Amino acid sequence: MRSITLAIGALIAGSAAAWSAETYPSMNLRLAHSVPPTTAQSKIEQWWVDEINKRSGGKIKIQILWAESGGKSTEIIELVGSGAIELGATPASYYPSELPLNGVTTSLPMIFRDNAEAARVQDGLIADVPAMREEQKKNGVWSLYWNSLGPYRVLCKMPITALADLKGKRMRSYGAYVPHMWKALDAVGEVVLTNEVYESLDRGRLDCTYFSYQLIVDLKQYEVAKQLSTANFGALSTWPVWVNYDLWHKKWPESVKKLFTEVSAEAAARSVKAIAQAEEEALAFLQKNGVQVVEFKNQNELNARVPDMRAFWLEQMKERGLGVPAQQVFDYWVAKSPK
């Protein structure tokens, strides 16, 4: 035991020495975030910021501007890309015109079984399909690491036990593809950004929210709706941490980029585990706080009613003249999917 303790101590000391050996400039950065600090993903961002500060010897400080206080969710890419702010965290799916390729894994429902699969495919696309990075460059941004989400569910004002119960219901929607899913299920998609969902449920604009268990808890939506359907709409990738492209590629020294890369890789791994755990804990929390879990009886029929969203996305991209890069994304995704 003593030898193990000494070995761990030596490793920590060695790591600290390695960090201190690097030369870091003094930097004060801002990160515009689209959601509050309460989500499991946001806590990963806070860890990321704290680690960069610690490993740089306090020289690199990052202020997180939570819950759109640094810019609207639909403005953050432009703010980061223009250099108005250095870092941002917002889903690519909120930018279907600017980031149609990057947004695909954060947009398409009924595809991923769990958040680990979503993270694996997202990371692979960024690493292995050049068109993904080219699209980021065009918008003046660069993704450092991506978060993920557990399977999406619907939390409603009324019980949803069968496919027929979805007919005419006003469902929280977003992006370019979720509305097509709701249409295929005879529901009505209402595009509502994350920070507006609580009030929309409370005031009756929405009948149902559409999020993972974890986000339903983190965003406190269980306070205004109490019927949780077990219908499964698939997991997703979600927002990355973005950095300004020119800062990353032209201005920051290699020591800073190396540090950010290392901490980002650790944050991505932490995120996968944290989200899976958060899903389990969130379901238990909901059940203890007055939410009724309602069994959905038509999952196979629901699966059959929703079109192949990847194929639908590919056709949409071809119509926009993006057929070649979209086909690369599609082929990679299909090849890496479970058989």
C-alpha atoms as a PDB file:
ATOM      1  CA  MET A   1       0.000   0.000   0.000  1.00  0.00           C
ATOM      2  CA  ARG A   2       2.843   2.368   0.862  1.00  0.00           C
ATOM      3  CA  SER A   3       4.488   1.739  -2.507  1.00  0.00           C
ATOM      4  CA  ILE A   4       1.224   2.477  -4.316  1.00  0.00           C
ATOM      5  CA  THR A   5       0.817   5.702  -2.358  1.00  0.00           C
ATOM      6  CA  LEU A   6       4.354   6.757  -3.180  1.00  0.00           C
ATOM      7  CA  ALA A   7       3.805   5.949  -6.854  1.00  0.00           C
ATOM      8  CA  ILE A   8       0.634   8.036  -6.985  1.00  0.00           C
ATOM      9  CA  GLY A   9       2.424  10.876  -5.240  1.00  0.00           C
ATOM     10  CA  ALA A  10       5.261  10.725  -7.730  1.00  0.00           C
ATOM     11  CA  LEU A  11       2.796  10.753 -10.617  1.00  0.00           C
ATOM     12  CA  ILE A  12       0.999  13.807  -9.273  1.00  0.00           C
ATOM     13  CA  ALA A  13       4.290  15.564  -8.627  1.00  0.00           C
ATOM     14  CA  GLY A  14       5.468  14.694 -12.110  1.00  0.00           C
ATOM     15  CA  SER A  15       2.269  16.012 -13.669  1.00  0.00           C
ATOM     16  CA  ALA A  16       2.534  19.236 -11.709  1.00  0.00           C
ATOM     17  CA  ALA A  17       6.124  19.627 -12.808  1.00  0.00           C
ATOM     18  CA  ALA A  18       5.114  19.069 -16.428  1.00  0.00           C
ATOM     19  CA  TRP A  19       2.442  21.757 -16.216  1.00  0.00           C
ATOM     20  CA  SER A  20       4.739  24.247 -14.530  1.00  0.00           C
ATOM     21  CA  ALA A  21       7.429  23.581 -17.134  1.00  0.00           C
ATOM     22  CA  GLU A  22       5.192  25.045 -19.813  1.00  0.00           C
ATOM     23  CA  THR A  23       5.167  28.792 -20.379  1.00  0.00           C
ATOM     24  CA  TYR A  24       1.676  30.261 -20.412  1.00  0.00           C
ATOM     25  CA  PRO A  25       0.758  33.864 -21.132  1.00  0.00           C
ATOM     26  CA  SER A  26      -1.688  35.647 -18.866  1.00  0.00           C
ATOM     27  CA  MET A  27      -5.114  35.344 -20.502  1.00  0.00           C
ATOM     28  CA  ASN A  28      -8.583  36.509 -19.472  1.00  0.00           C
ATOM     29  CA  LEU A  29     -11.177  34.772 -21.627  1.00  0.00           C
ATOM     30  CA  ARG A  30     -14.970  34.696 -21.734  1.00  0.00           C
ATOM     31  CA  LEU A  31     -17.212  31.760 -22.542  1.00  0.00           C
ATOM     32  CA  ALA A  32     -20.779  32.603 -23.612  1.00  0.00           C
ATOM     33  CA  HIS A  33     -22.978  29.696 -22.517  1.00  0.00           C
ATOM     34  CA  SER A  34     -26.480  28.926 -23.723  1.00  0.00           C
ATOM     35  CA  VAL A  35     -27.806  27.205 -20.572  1.00  0.00           C
ATOM     36  CA  PRO A  36     -27.646  27.662 -16.784  1.00  0.00           C
ATOM     37  CA  PRO A  37     -24.834  26.260 -14.620  1.00  0.00           C
ATOM     38  CA  THR A  38     -27.144  23.605 -13.169  1.00  0.00           C
ATOM     39  CA  THR A  39     -26.986  21.008 -15.967  1.00  0.00           C
ATOM     40  CA  ALA A  40     -24.665  17.997 -15.808  1.00  0.00           C
ATOM     41  CA  GLN A  41     -22.982  19.222 -18.994  1.00  0.00           C
ATOM     42  CA  SER A  42     -22.516  22.697 -17.519  1.00  0.00           C
ATOM     43  CA  LYS A  43     -20.741  21.164 -14.547  1.00  0.00           C
ATOM     44  CA  ILE A  44     -18.306  19.566 -16.981  1.00  0.00           C
ATOM     45  CA  GLU A  45     -17.679  23.008 -18.465  1.00  0.00           C
ATOM     46  CA  GLN A  46     -16.984  24.383 -14.968  1.00  0.00           C
ATOM     47  CA  TRP A  47     -14.542  21.535 -14.318  1.00  0.00           C
ATOM     48  CA  TRP A  48     -12.868  22.281 -17.668  1.00  0.00           C
ATOM     49  CA  VAL A  49     -12.461  25.959 -16.795  1.00  0.00           C
ATOM     50  CA  ASP A  50     -11.133  25.171 -13.315  1.00  0.00           C
ATOM     51  CA  GLU A  51      -8.621  22.645 -14.637  1.00  0.00           C
ATOM     52  CA  ILE A  52      -7.253  25.007 -17.260  1.00  0.00           C
ATOM     53  CA  ASN A  53      -6.823  27.650 -14.597  1.00  0.00           C
ATOM     54  CA  LYS A  54      -5.122  25.211 -12.213  1.00  0.00           C
ATOM     55  CA  ARG A  55      -2.813  23.633 -14.769  1.00  0.00           C
ATOM     56  CA  SER A  56      -1.752  26.999 -16.150  1.00  0.00           C
ATOM     57  CA  GLY A  57      -0.714  28.099 -12.681  1.00  0.00           C
ATOM     58  CA  GLY A  58      -3.580  30.569 -12.561  1.00  0.00           C
ATOM     59  CA  LYS A  59      -2.476  32.403 -15.689  1.00  0.00           C
ATOM     60  CA  ILE A  60      -5.433  31.416 -17.888  1.00  0.00           C
ATOM     61  CA  LYS A  61      -8.729  32.592 -16.456  1.00  0.00           C
ATOM     62  CA  ILE A  62     -12.070  31.878 -18.143  1.00  0.00           C
ATOM     63  CA  GLN A  63     -15.299  33.588 -17.088  1.00  0.00           C
ATOM     64  CA  ILE A  64     -18.426  31.633 -17.990  1.00  0.00           C
ATOM     65  CA  LEU A  65     -21.382  33.835 -18.915  1.00  0.00           C
ATOM     66  CA  TRP A  66     -24.226  31.453 -18.120  1.00  0.00           C
ATOM     67  CA  ALA A  67     -27.778  31.233 -19.450  1.00  0.00           C
ATOM     68  CA  GLU A  68     -27.374  33.522 -22.479  1.00  0.00           C
ATOM     69  CA  SER A  69     -25.944  36.397 -20.426  1.00  0.00           C
ATOM     70  CA  GLY A  70     -23.123  36.565 -22.984  1.00  0.00           C
ATOM     71  CA  GLY A  71     -25.407  36.308 -26.010  1.00  0.00           C
ATOM     72  CA  LYS A  72     -28.470  34.434 -27.208  1.00  0.00           C
ATOM     73  CA  SER A  73     -28.138  30.747 -28.072  1.00  0.00           C
ATOM     74  CA  THR A  74     -28.724  31.637 -31.710  1.00  0.00           C
ATOM     75  CA  GLU A  75     -26.080  34.404 -31.624  1.00  0.00           C
ATOM     76  CA  ILE A  76     -23.144  32.676 -29.931  1.00  0.00           C
ATOM     77  CA  ILE A  77     -21.599  31.170 -33.075  1.00  0.00           C
ATOM     78  CA  GLU A  78     -21.530  34.592 -34.731  1.00  0.00           C
ATOM     79  CA  LEU A  79     -20.103  36.191 -31.582  1.00  0.00           C
ATOM     80  CA  VAL A  80     -17.319  33.606 -31.323  1.00  0.00           C
ATOM     81  CA  GLY A  81     -16.672  33.511 -35.062  1.00  0.00           C
ATOM     82  CA  SER A  82     -16.342  37.284 -35.274  1.00  0.00           C
ATOM     83  CA  GLY A  83     -14.020  37.435 -32.285  1.00  0.00           C
ATOM     84  CA  ALA A  84     -16.476  39.444 -30.179  1.00  0.00           C
ATOM     85  CA  ILE A  85     -16.083  36.725 -27.549  1.00  0.00           C
ATOM     86  CA  GLU A  86     -13.397  34.048 -27.351  1.00  0.00           C
ATOM     87  CA  LEU A  87     -15.358  30.928 -26.407  1.00  0.00           C
ATOM     88  CA  GLY A  88     -18.931  29.696 -26.594  1.00  0.00           C
ATOM     89  CA  ALA A  89     -21.176  26.756 -25.800  1.00  0.00           C
ATOM     90  CA  THR A  90     -24.307  26.330 -27.914  1.00  0.00           C
ATOM     91  CA  PRO A  91     -25.737  23.496 -30.035  1.00  0.00           C
ATOM     92  CA  ALA A  92     -24.826  23.373 -33.710  1.00  0.00           C
ATOM     93  CA  SER A  93     -28.431  22.334 -34.373  1.00  0.00           C
ATOM     94  CA  TYR A  94     -29.506  25.917 -33.635  1.00  0.00           C
ATOM     95  CA  TYR A  95     -27.657  26.895 -36.823  1.00  0.00           C
ATOM     96  CA  PRO A  96     -29.153  24.730 -39.602  1.00  0.00           C
ATOM     97  CA  SER A  97     -28.045  27.201 -42.273  1.00  0.00           C
ATOM     98  CA  GLU A  98     -24.510  27.816 -41.001  1.00  0.00           C
ATOM     99  CA  LEU A  99     -23.638  24.381 -39.543  1.00  0.00           C
ATOM    100  CA  PRO A 100     -25.778  21.774 -41.336  1.00  0.00           C
ATOM    101  CA  LEU A 101     -23.080  19.090 -41.170  1.00  0.00           C
ATOM    102  CA  ASN A 102     -21.914  19.721 -37.615  1.00  0.00           C
ATOM    103  CA  GLY A 103     -25.487  19.889 -36.401  1.00  0.00           C
ATOM    104  CA  VAL A 104     -26.554  16.506 -37.720  1.00  0.00           C
ATOM    105  CA  THR A 105     -25.839  14.419 -34.597  1.00  0.00           C
ATOM    106  CA  THR A 106     -27.476  17.054 -32.396  1.00  0.00           C
ATOM    107  CA  SER A 107     -30.546  17.312 -34.618  1.00  0.00           C
ATOM    108  CA  LEU A 108     -31.801  13.903 -35.716  1.00  0.00           C
ATOM    109  CA  PRO A 109     -34.132  11.997 -33.401  1.00  0.00           C
ATOM    110  CA  MET A 110     -34.589   8.238 -33.249  1.00  0.00           C
ATOM    111  CA  ILE A 111     -30.968   7.413 -34.175  1.00  0.00           C
ATOM    112  CA  PHE A 112     -28.687   6.777 -31.165  1.00  0.00           C
ATOM    113  CA  ARG A 113     -29.350   4.171 -28.490  1.00  0.00           C
ATOM    114  CA  ASP A 114     -27.495   6.017 -25.720  1.00  0.00           C
ATOM    115  CA  ASN A 115     -25.251   8.995 -25.074  1.00  0.00           C
ATOM    116  CA  ALA A 116     -22.040   6.956 -25.349  1.00  0.00           C
ATOM    117  CA  GLU A 117     -22.897   5.990 -28.931  1.00  0.00           C
ATOM    118  CA  ALA A 118     -23.771   9.590 -29.765  1.00  0.00           C
ATOM    119  CA  ALA A 119     -20.440  10.812 -28.376  1.00  0.00           C
ATOM    120  CA  ARG A 120     -18.466   8.135 -30.230  1.00  0.00           C
ATOM    121  CA  VAL A 121     -20.016   8.957 -33.603  1.00  0.00           C
ATOM    122  CA  GLN A 122     -19.704  12.717 -33.077  1.00  0.00           C
ATOM    123  CA  ASP A 123     -16.027  12.488 -32.159  1.00  0.00           C
ATOM    124  CA  GLY A 124     -15.366  10.210 -35.123  1.00  0.00           C
ATOM    125  CA  LEU A 125     -17.052  12.543 -37.577  1.00  0.00           C
ATOM    126  CA  ILE A 126     -14.994  15.494 -36.373  1.00  0.00           C
ATOM    127  CA  ALA A 127     -11.754  13.501 -36.548  1.00  0.00           C
ATOM    128  CA  ASP A 128     -12.288  11.568 -39.781  1.00  0.00           C
ATOM    129  CA  VAL A 129     -14.562  13.611 -42.069  1.00  0.00           C
ATOM    130  CA  PRO A 130     -12.707  16.772 -43.218  1.00  0.00           C
ATOM    131  CA  ALA A 131     -15.914  18.502 -44.298  1.00  0.00           C
ATOM    132  CA  MET A 132     -16.924  18.857 -40.649  1.00  0.00           C
ATOM    133  CA  ARG A 133     -13.884  20.965 -39.792  1.00  0.00           C
ATOM    134  CA  GLU A 134     -14.109  22.887 -43.064  1.00  0.00           C
ATOM    135  CA  GLU A 135     -17.618  23.963 -42.118  1.00  0.00           C
ATOM    136  CA  GLN A 136     -16.388  25.146 -38.723  1.00  0.00           C
ATOM    137  CA  LYS A 137     -13.573  27.110 -40.357  1.00  0.00           C
ATOM    138  CA  LYS A 138     -16.050  28.792 -42.688  1.00  0.00           C
ATOM    139  CA  ASN A 139     -17.941  30.053 -39.626  1.00  0.00           C
ATOM    140  CA  GLY A 140     -14.794  31.156 -37.803  1.00  0.00           C
ATOM    141  CA  VAL A 141     -15.093  28.589 -35.003  1.00  0.00           C
ATOM    142  CA  TRP A 142     -13.381  25.388 -33.858  1.00  0.00           C
ATOM    143  CA  SER A 143     -14.874  22.755 -31.547  1.00  0.00           C
ATOM    144  CA  LEU A 144     -12.735  21.680 -28.580  1.00  0.00           C
ATOM    145  CA  TYR A 145     -14.947  18.909 -27.190  1.00  0.00           C
ATOM    146  CA  TRP A 146     -18.596  17.846 -27.399  1.00  0.00           C
ATOM    147  CA  ASN A 147     -21.157  16.895 -24.777  1.00  0.00           C
ATOM    148  CA  SER A 148     -23.923  14.324 -25.197  1.00  0.00           C
ATOM    149  CA  LEU A 149     -27.456  13.640 -23.955  1.00  0.00           C
ATOM    150  CA  GLY A 150     -29.375  10.584 -22.879  1.00  0.00           C
ATOM    151  CA  PRO A 151     -32.470   9.370 -24.751  1.00  0.00           C
ATOM    152  CA  TYR A 152     -35.110  12.043 -25.215  1.00  0.00           C
ATOM    153  CA  ARG A 153     -38.549  11.641 -23.615  1.00  0.00           C
ATOM    154  CA  VAL A 154     -41.738  13.669 -23.366  1.00  0.00           C
ATOM    155  CA  LEU A 155     -42.952  15.188 -20.110  1.00  0.00           C
ATOM    156  CA  CYS A 156     -46.529  16.365 -20.525  1.00  0.00           C
ATOM    157  CA  LYS A 157     -49.487  17.947 -18.827  1.00  0.00           C
ATOM    158  CA  MET A 158     -51.494  14.811 -19.634  1.00  0.00           C
ATOM    159  CA  PRO A 159     -50.555  11.092 -19.876  1.00  0.00           C
ATOM    160  CA  ILE A 160     -49.133   9.864 -23.194  1.00  0.00           C
ATOM    161  CA  THR A 161     -49.668   6.111 -23.215  1.00  0.00           C
ATOM    162  CA  ALA A 162     -50.225   5.412 -26.913  1.00  0.00           C
ATOM    163  CA  LEU A 163     -49.395   6.852 -30.301  1.00  0.00           C
ATOM    164  CA  ALA A 164     -52.912   8.245 -30.643  1.00  0.00           C
ATOM    165  CA  ASP A 165     -52.335  10.402 -27.549  1.00  0.00           C
ATOM    166  CA  LEU A 166     -49.735  12.449 -29.449  1.00  0.00           C
ATOM    167  CA  LYS A 167     -52.229  13.627 -32.060  1.00  0.00           C
ATOM    168  CA  GLY A 168     -52.611  17.394 -31.978  1.00  0.00           C
ATOM    169  CA  LYS A 169     -50.406  17.845 -28.927  1.00  0.00           C
ATOM    170  CA  ARG A 170     -48.120  20.877 -28.914  1.00  0.00           C
ATOM    171  CA  MET A 171     -44.623  19.458 -28.497  1.00  0.00           C
ATOM    172  CA  ARG A 172     -41.409  21.317 -27.798  1.00  0.00           C
ATOM    173  CA  SER A 173     -39.369  21.302 -31.001  1.00  0.00           C
ATOM    174  CA  TYR A 174     -36.169  22.802 -32.392  1.00  0.00           C
ATOM    175  CA  GLY A 175     -33.938  22.779 -35.453  1.00  0.00           C
ATOM    176  CA  ALA A 176     -34.824  21.609 -38.936  1.00  0.00           C
ATOM    177  CA  TYR A 177     -35.662  17.931 -38.334  1.00  0.00           C
ATOM    178  CA  VAL A 178     -37.497  17.416 -35.042  1.00  0.00           C
ATOM    179  CA  PRO A 179     -40.558  19.205 -36.518  1.00  0.00           C
ATOM    180  CA  HIS A 180     -40.711  16.515 -39.234  1.00  0.00           C
ATOM    181  CA  MET A 181     -40.792  13.813 -36.578  1.00  0.00           C
ATOM    182  CA  TRP A 182     -43.712  15.460 -34.798  1.00  0.00           C
ATOM    183  CA  LYS A 183     -45.543  15.878 -38.093  1.00  0.00           C
ATOM    184  CA  ALA A 184     -45.086  12.169 -38.857  1.00  0.00           C
ATOM    185  CA  LEU A 185     -46.633  11.414 -35.453  1.00  0.00           C
ATOM    186  CA  ASP A 186     -49.581  13.818 -36.008  1.00  0.00           C
ATOM    187  CA  ALA A 187     -48.322  16.117 -33.264  1.00  0.00           C
ATOM    188  CA  VAL A 188     -47.623  19.851 -33.564  1.00  0.00           C
ATOM    189  CA  GLY A 189     -44.022  20.957 -33.206  1.00  0.00           C
ATOM    190  CA  GLU A 190     -43.530  24.314 -31.500  1.00  0.00           C
ATOM    191  CA  VAL A 191     -39.985  25.683 -31.839  1.00  0.00           C
ATOM    192  CA  VAL A 192     -39.011  26.840 -28.347  1.00  0.00           C
ATOM    193  CA  LEU A 193     -35.452  27.456 -27.166  1.00  0.00           C
ATOM    194  CA  THR A 194     -34.216  25.731 -24.027  1.00  0.00           C
ATOM    195  CA  ASN A 195     -34.485  28.699 -21.673  1.00  0.00           C
ATOM    196  CA  GLU A 196     -38.083  29.402 -22.769  1.00  0.00           C
ATOM    197  CA  VAL A 197     -39.541  25.903 -22.301  1.00  0.00           C
ATOM    198  CA  TYR A 198     -40.425  26.205 -18.586  1.00  0.00           C
ATOM    199  CA  GLU A 199     -42.536  29.312 -19.106  1.00  0.00           C
ATOM    200  CA  SER A 200     -44.095  27.883 -22.270  1.00  0.00           C
ATOM    201  CA  LEU A 201     -45.234  24.797 -20.368  1.00  0.00           C
ATOM    202  CA  ASP A 202     -46.417  26.853 -17.436  1.00  0.00           C
ATOM    203  CA  ARG A 203     -48.485  29.231 -19.589  1.00  0.00           C
ATOM    204  CA  GLY A 204     -49.941  26.531 -21.840  1.00  0.00           C
ATOM    205  CA  ARG A 205     -48.085  27.271 -25.055  1.00  0.00           C
ATOM    206  CA  LEU A 206     -46.747  23.695 -24.867  1.00  0.00           C
ATOM    207  CA  ASP A 207     -48.482  20.484 -23.865  1.00  0.00           C
ATOM    208  CA  CYS A 208     -45.207  18.575 -23.623  1.00  0.00           C
ATOM    209  CA  THR A 209     -41.529  19.238 -23.247  1.00  0.00           C
ATOM    210  CA  TYR A 210     -38.983  17.126 -25.134  1.00  0.00           C
ATOM    211  CA  PHE A 211     -35.725  16.478 -23.305  1.00  0.00           C
ATOM    212  CA  SER A 212     -33.710  13.778 -21.574  1.00  0.00           C
ATOM    213  CA  TYR A 213     -34.521  12.830 -17.967  1.00  0.00           C
ATOM    214  CA  GLN A 214     -31.428  14.713 -16.861  1.00  0.00           C
ATOM    215  CA  LEU A 215     -32.357  17.981 -18.564  1.00  0.00           C
ATOM    216  CA  ILE A 216     -35.952  17.758 -17.381  1.00  0.00           C
ATOM    217  CA  VAL A 217     -34.558  17.761 -13.838  1.00  0.00           C
ATOM    218  CA  ASP A 218     -31.734  20.247 -14.414  1.00  0.00           C
ATOM    219  CA  LEU A 219     -34.105  22.748 -16.019  1.00  0.00           C
ATOM    220  CA  LYS A 220     -36.792  22.127 -13.364  1.00  0.00           C
ATOM    221  CA  GLN A 221     -39.483  21.376 -15.937  1.00  0.00           C
ATOM    222  CA  TYR A 222     -41.003  18.743 -13.639  1.00  0.00           C
ATOM    223  CA  GLU A 223     -42.392  21.642 -11.608  1.00  0.00           C
ATOM    224  CA  VAL A 224     -44.897  22.519 -14.361  1.00  0.00           C
ATOM    225  CA  ALA A 225     -45.684  19.081 -15.880  1.00  0.00           C
ATOM    226  CA  LYS A 226     -46.114  15.745 -14.103  1.00  0.00           C
ATOM    227  CA  GLN A 227     -46.783  13.019 -16.703  1.00  0.00           C
ATOM    228  CA  LEU A 228     -43.578  11.368 -17.983  1.00  0.00           C
ATOM    229  CA  SER A 229     -43.983   8.959 -20.900  1.00  0.00           C
ATOM    230  CA  THR A 230     -41.545   6.080 -21.387  1.00  0.00           C
ATOM    231  CA  ALA A 231     -41.643   6.638 -25.176  1.00  0.00           C
ATOM    232  CA  ASN A 232     -38.015   6.672 -26.354  1.00  0.00           C
ATOM    233  CA  PHE A 233     -36.938   9.138 -29.051  1.00  0.00           C
ATOM    234  CA  GLY A 234     -33.215   8.336 -28.995  1.00  0.00           C
ATOM    235  CA  ALA A 235     -30.092   9.936 -27.541  1.00  0.00           C
ATOM    236  CA  LEU A 236     -28.165  12.850 -29.056  1.00  0.00           C
ATOM    237  CA  SER A 237     -24.896  14.644 -29.172  1.00  0.00           C
ATOM    238  CA  THR A 238     -25.220  18.214 -27.960  1.00  0.00           C
ATOM    239  CA  TRP A 239     -23.294  21.435 -27.672  1.00  0.00           C
ATOM    240  CA  PRO A 240     -19.520  21.622 -27.891  1.00  0.00           C
ATOM    241  CA  VAL A 241     -17.243  24.248 -26.460  1.00  0.00           C
ATOM    242  CA  TRP A 242     -16.337  26.462 -29.416  1.00  0.00           C
ATOM    243  CA  VAL A 243     -13.276  28.669 -29.735  1.00  0.00           C
ATOM    244  CA  ASN A 244     -12.595  31.438 -32.238  1.00  0.00           C
ATOM    245  CA  TYR A 245     -10.847  29.918 -35.257  1.00  0.00           C
ATOM    246  CA  ASP A 246      -8.176  32.607 -35.665  1.00  0.00           C
ATOM    247  CA  LEU A 247      -7.271  32.554 -31.983  1.00  0.00           C
ATOM    248  CA  TRP A 248      -6.778  28.794 -32.117  1.00  0.00           C
ATOM    249  CA  HIS A 249      -4.928  28.567 -35.402  1.00  0.00           C
ATOM    250  CA  LYS A 250      -3.065  31.851 -35.663  1.00  0.00           C
ATOM    251  CA  LYS A 251      -2.605  33.542 -32.278  1.00  0.00           C
ATOM    252  CA  TRP A 252      -2.472  31.179 -29.319  1.00  0.00           C
ATOM    253  CA  PRO A 253       0.937  29.629 -28.558  1.00  0.00           C
ATOM    254  CA  GLU A 254       1.388  25.876 -28.751  1.00  0.00           C
ATOM    255  CA  SER A 255       1.616  25.587 -24.968  1.00  0.00           C
ATOM    256  CA  VAL A 256      -1.914  26.971 -24.604  1.00  0.00           C
ATOM    257  CA  LYS A 257      -3.330  24.816 -27.400  1.00  0.00           C
ATOM    258  CA  LYS A 258      -1.701  21.718 -25.909  1.00  0.00           C
ATOM    259  CA  LEU A 259      -3.196  22.460 -22.498  1.00  0.00           C
ATOM    260  CA  PHE A 260      -6.682  23.088 -23.921  1.00  0.00           C
ATOM    261  CA  THR A 261      -6.483  19.913 -26.028  1.00  0.00           C
ATOM    262  CA  GLU A 262      -5.487  17.745 -23.054  1.00  0.00           C
ATOM    263  CA  VAL A 263      -8.137  19.102 -20.714  1.00  0.00           C
ATOM    264  CA  SER A 264     -10.775  18.953 -23.457  1.00  0.00           C
ATOM    265  CA  ALA A 265     -10.088  15.252 -24.078  1.00  0.00           C
ATOM    266  CA  GLU A 266     -10.486  14.566 -20.357  1.00  0.00           C
ATOM    267  CA  ALA A 267     -13.682  16.636 -20.229  1.00  0.00           C
ATOM    268  CA  ALA A 268     -15.189  14.682 -23.130  1.00  0.00           C
ATOM    269  CA  ALA A 269     -14.523  11.370 -21.360  1.00  0.00           C
ATOM    270  CA  ARG A 270     -15.908  12.713 -18.088  1.00  0.00           C
ATOM    271  CA  SER A 271     -19.012  13.959 -19.866  1.00  0.00           C
ATOM    272  CA  VAL A 272     -19.950  10.539 -21.266  1.00  0.00           C
ATOM    273  CA  LYS A 273     -19.826   8.933 -17.813  1.00  0.00           C
ATOM    274  CA  ALA A 274     -21.429  11.848 -16.023  1.00  0.00           C
ATOM    275  CA  ILE A 275     -24.412  11.994 -18.373  1.00  0.00           C
ATOM    276  CA  ALA A 276     -25.127   8.264 -18.130  1.00  0.00           C
ATOM    277  CA  GLN A 277     -25.077   8.507 -14.342  1.00  0.00           C
ATOM    278  CA  ALA A 278     -27.145  11.689 -14.378  1.00  0.00           C
ATOM    279  CA  GLU A 279     -29.883   9.925 -16.394  1.00  0.00           C
ATOM    280  CA  GLU A 280     -30.286   7.206 -13.750  1.00  0.00           C
ATOM    281  CA  GLU A 281     -30.298   9.693 -10.912  1.00  0.00           C
ATOM    282  CA  ALA A 282     -32.734  11.999 -12.692  1.00  0.00           C
ATOM    283  CA  LEU A 283     -35.357   9.299 -13.230  1.00  0.00           C
ATOM    284  CA  ALA A 284     -35.231   8.377  -9.555  1.00  0.00           C
ATOM    285  CA  PHE A 285     -35.497  12.058  -8.612  1.00  0.00           C
ATOM    286  CA  LEU A 286     -38.535  12.594 -10.824  1.00  0.00           C
ATOM    287  CA  GLN A 287     -40.347   9.625  -9.325  1.00  0.00           C
ATOM    288  CA  LYS A 288     -39.661  10.941  -5.821  1.00  0.00           C
ATOM    289  CA  ASN A 289     -40.948  14.397  -6.716  1.00  0.00           C
ATOM    290  CA  GLY A 290     -44.470  13.738  -7.867  1.00  0.00           C
ATOM    291  CA  VAL A 291     -43.885  12.822 -11.504  1.00  0.00           C
ATOM    292  CA  GLN A 292     -45.867   9.846 -12.719  1.00  0.00           C
ATOM    293  CA  VAL A 293     -44.020   7.541 -15.113  1.00  0.00           C
ATOM    294  CA  VAL A 294     -46.532   6.421 -17.744  1.00  0.00           C
ATOM    295  CA  GLU A 295     -45.837   3.300 -19.797  1.00  0.00           C
ATOM    296  CA  PHE A 296     -45.919   3.915 -23.549  1.00  0.00           C
ATOM    297  CA  LYS A 297     -47.498   0.961 -25.368  1.00  0.00           C
ATOM    298  CA  ASN A 298     -46.633   1.626 -29.017  1.00  0.00           C
ATOM    299  CA  GLN A 299     -42.832   2.010 -29.213  1.00  0.00           C
ATOM    300  CA  ASN A 300     -42.486  -0.298 -32.246  1.00  0.00           C
ATOM    301  CA  GLU A 301     -45.264   1.538 -34.066  1.00  0.00           C
ATOM    302  CA  LEU A 302     -43.677   4.876 -33.176  1.00  0.00           C
ATOM    303  CA  ASN A 303     -40.334   3.659 -34.572  1.00  0.00           C
ATOM    304  CA  ALA A 304     -42.040   2.607 -37.800  1.00  0.00           C
ATOM    305  CA  ARG A 305     -43.950   5.889 -38.222  1.00  0.00           C
ATOM    306  CA  VAL A 306     -40.877   8.110 -38.006  1.00  0.00           C
ATOM    307  CA  PRO A 307     -38.987   8.206 -41.329  1.00  0.00           C
ATOM    308  CA  ASP A 308     -35.298   7.285 -41.578  1.00  0.00           C
ATOM    309  CA  MET A 309     -34.025  10.632 -40.372  1.00  0.00           C
ATOM    310  CA  ARG A 310     -30.475  10.182 -41.678  1.00  0.00           C
ATOM    311  CA  ALA A 311     -31.741   9.448 -45.173  1.00  0.00           C
ATOM    312  CA  PHE A 312     -34.158  12.373 -44.911  1.00  0.00           C
ATOM    313  CA  TRP A 313     -31.303  14.656 -43.834  1.00  0.00           C
ATOM    314  CA  LEU A 314     -29.143  13.451 -46.740  1.00  0.00           C
ATOM    315  CA  GLU A 315     -31.856  14.285 -49.280  1.00  0.00           C
ATOM    316  CA  GLN A 316     -32.270  17.719 -47.732  1.00  0.00           C
ATOM    317  CA  MET A 317     -28.529  18.331 -48.023  1.00  0.00           C
ATOM    318  CA  LYS A 318     -28.523  17.261 -51.675  1.00  0.00           C
ATOM    319  CA  GLU A 319     -31.279  19.777 -52.395  1.00  0.00           C
ATOM    320  CA  ARG A 320     -29.073  22.461 -50.840  1.00  0.00           C
ATOM    321  CA  GLY A 321     -26.100  21.510 -53.009  1.00  0.00           C
ATOM    322  CA  LEU A 322     -24.258  19.820 -50.129  1.00  0.00           C
ATOM    323  CA  GLY A 323     -24.640  16.283 -51.432  1.00  0.00           C
ATOM    324  CA  VAL A 324     -20.945  15.389 -51.585  1.00  0.00           C
ATOM    325  CA  PRO A 325     -19.927  16.292 -47.999  1.00  0.00           C
ATOM    326  CA  ALA A 326     -23.270  15.097 -46.635  1.00  0.00           C
ATOM    327  CA  GLN A 327     -22.773  11.724 -48.328  1.00  0.00           C
ATOM    328  CA  GLN A 328     -19.389  11.459 -46.597  1.00  0.00           C
ATOM    329  CA  VAL A 329     -21.027  12.114 -43.250  1.00  0.00           C
ATOM    330  CA  PHE A 330     -23.851   9.676 -43.980  1.00  0.00           C
ATOM    331  CA  ASP A 331     -21.515   6.880 -45.132  1.00  0.00           C
ATOM    332  CA  TYR A 332     -19.258   7.259 -42.096  1.00  0.00           C
ATOM    333  CA  TRP A 333     -22.221   7.305 -39.723  1.00  0.00           C
ATOM    334  CA  VAL A 334     -23.812   4.197 -41.223  1.00  0.00           C
ATOM    335  CA  ALA A 335     -20.480   2.338 -41.246  1.00  0.00           C
ATOM    336  CA  LYS A 336     -19.913   3.093 -37.553  1.00  0.00           C
ATOM    337  CA  SER A 337     -23.440   2.274 -36.422  1.00  0.00           C
ATOM    338  CA  PRO A 338     -24.191  -1.016 -34.650  1.00  0.00           C
ATOM    339  CA  LYS A 339     -25.425  -3.745 -36.989  1.00  0.00           C
END
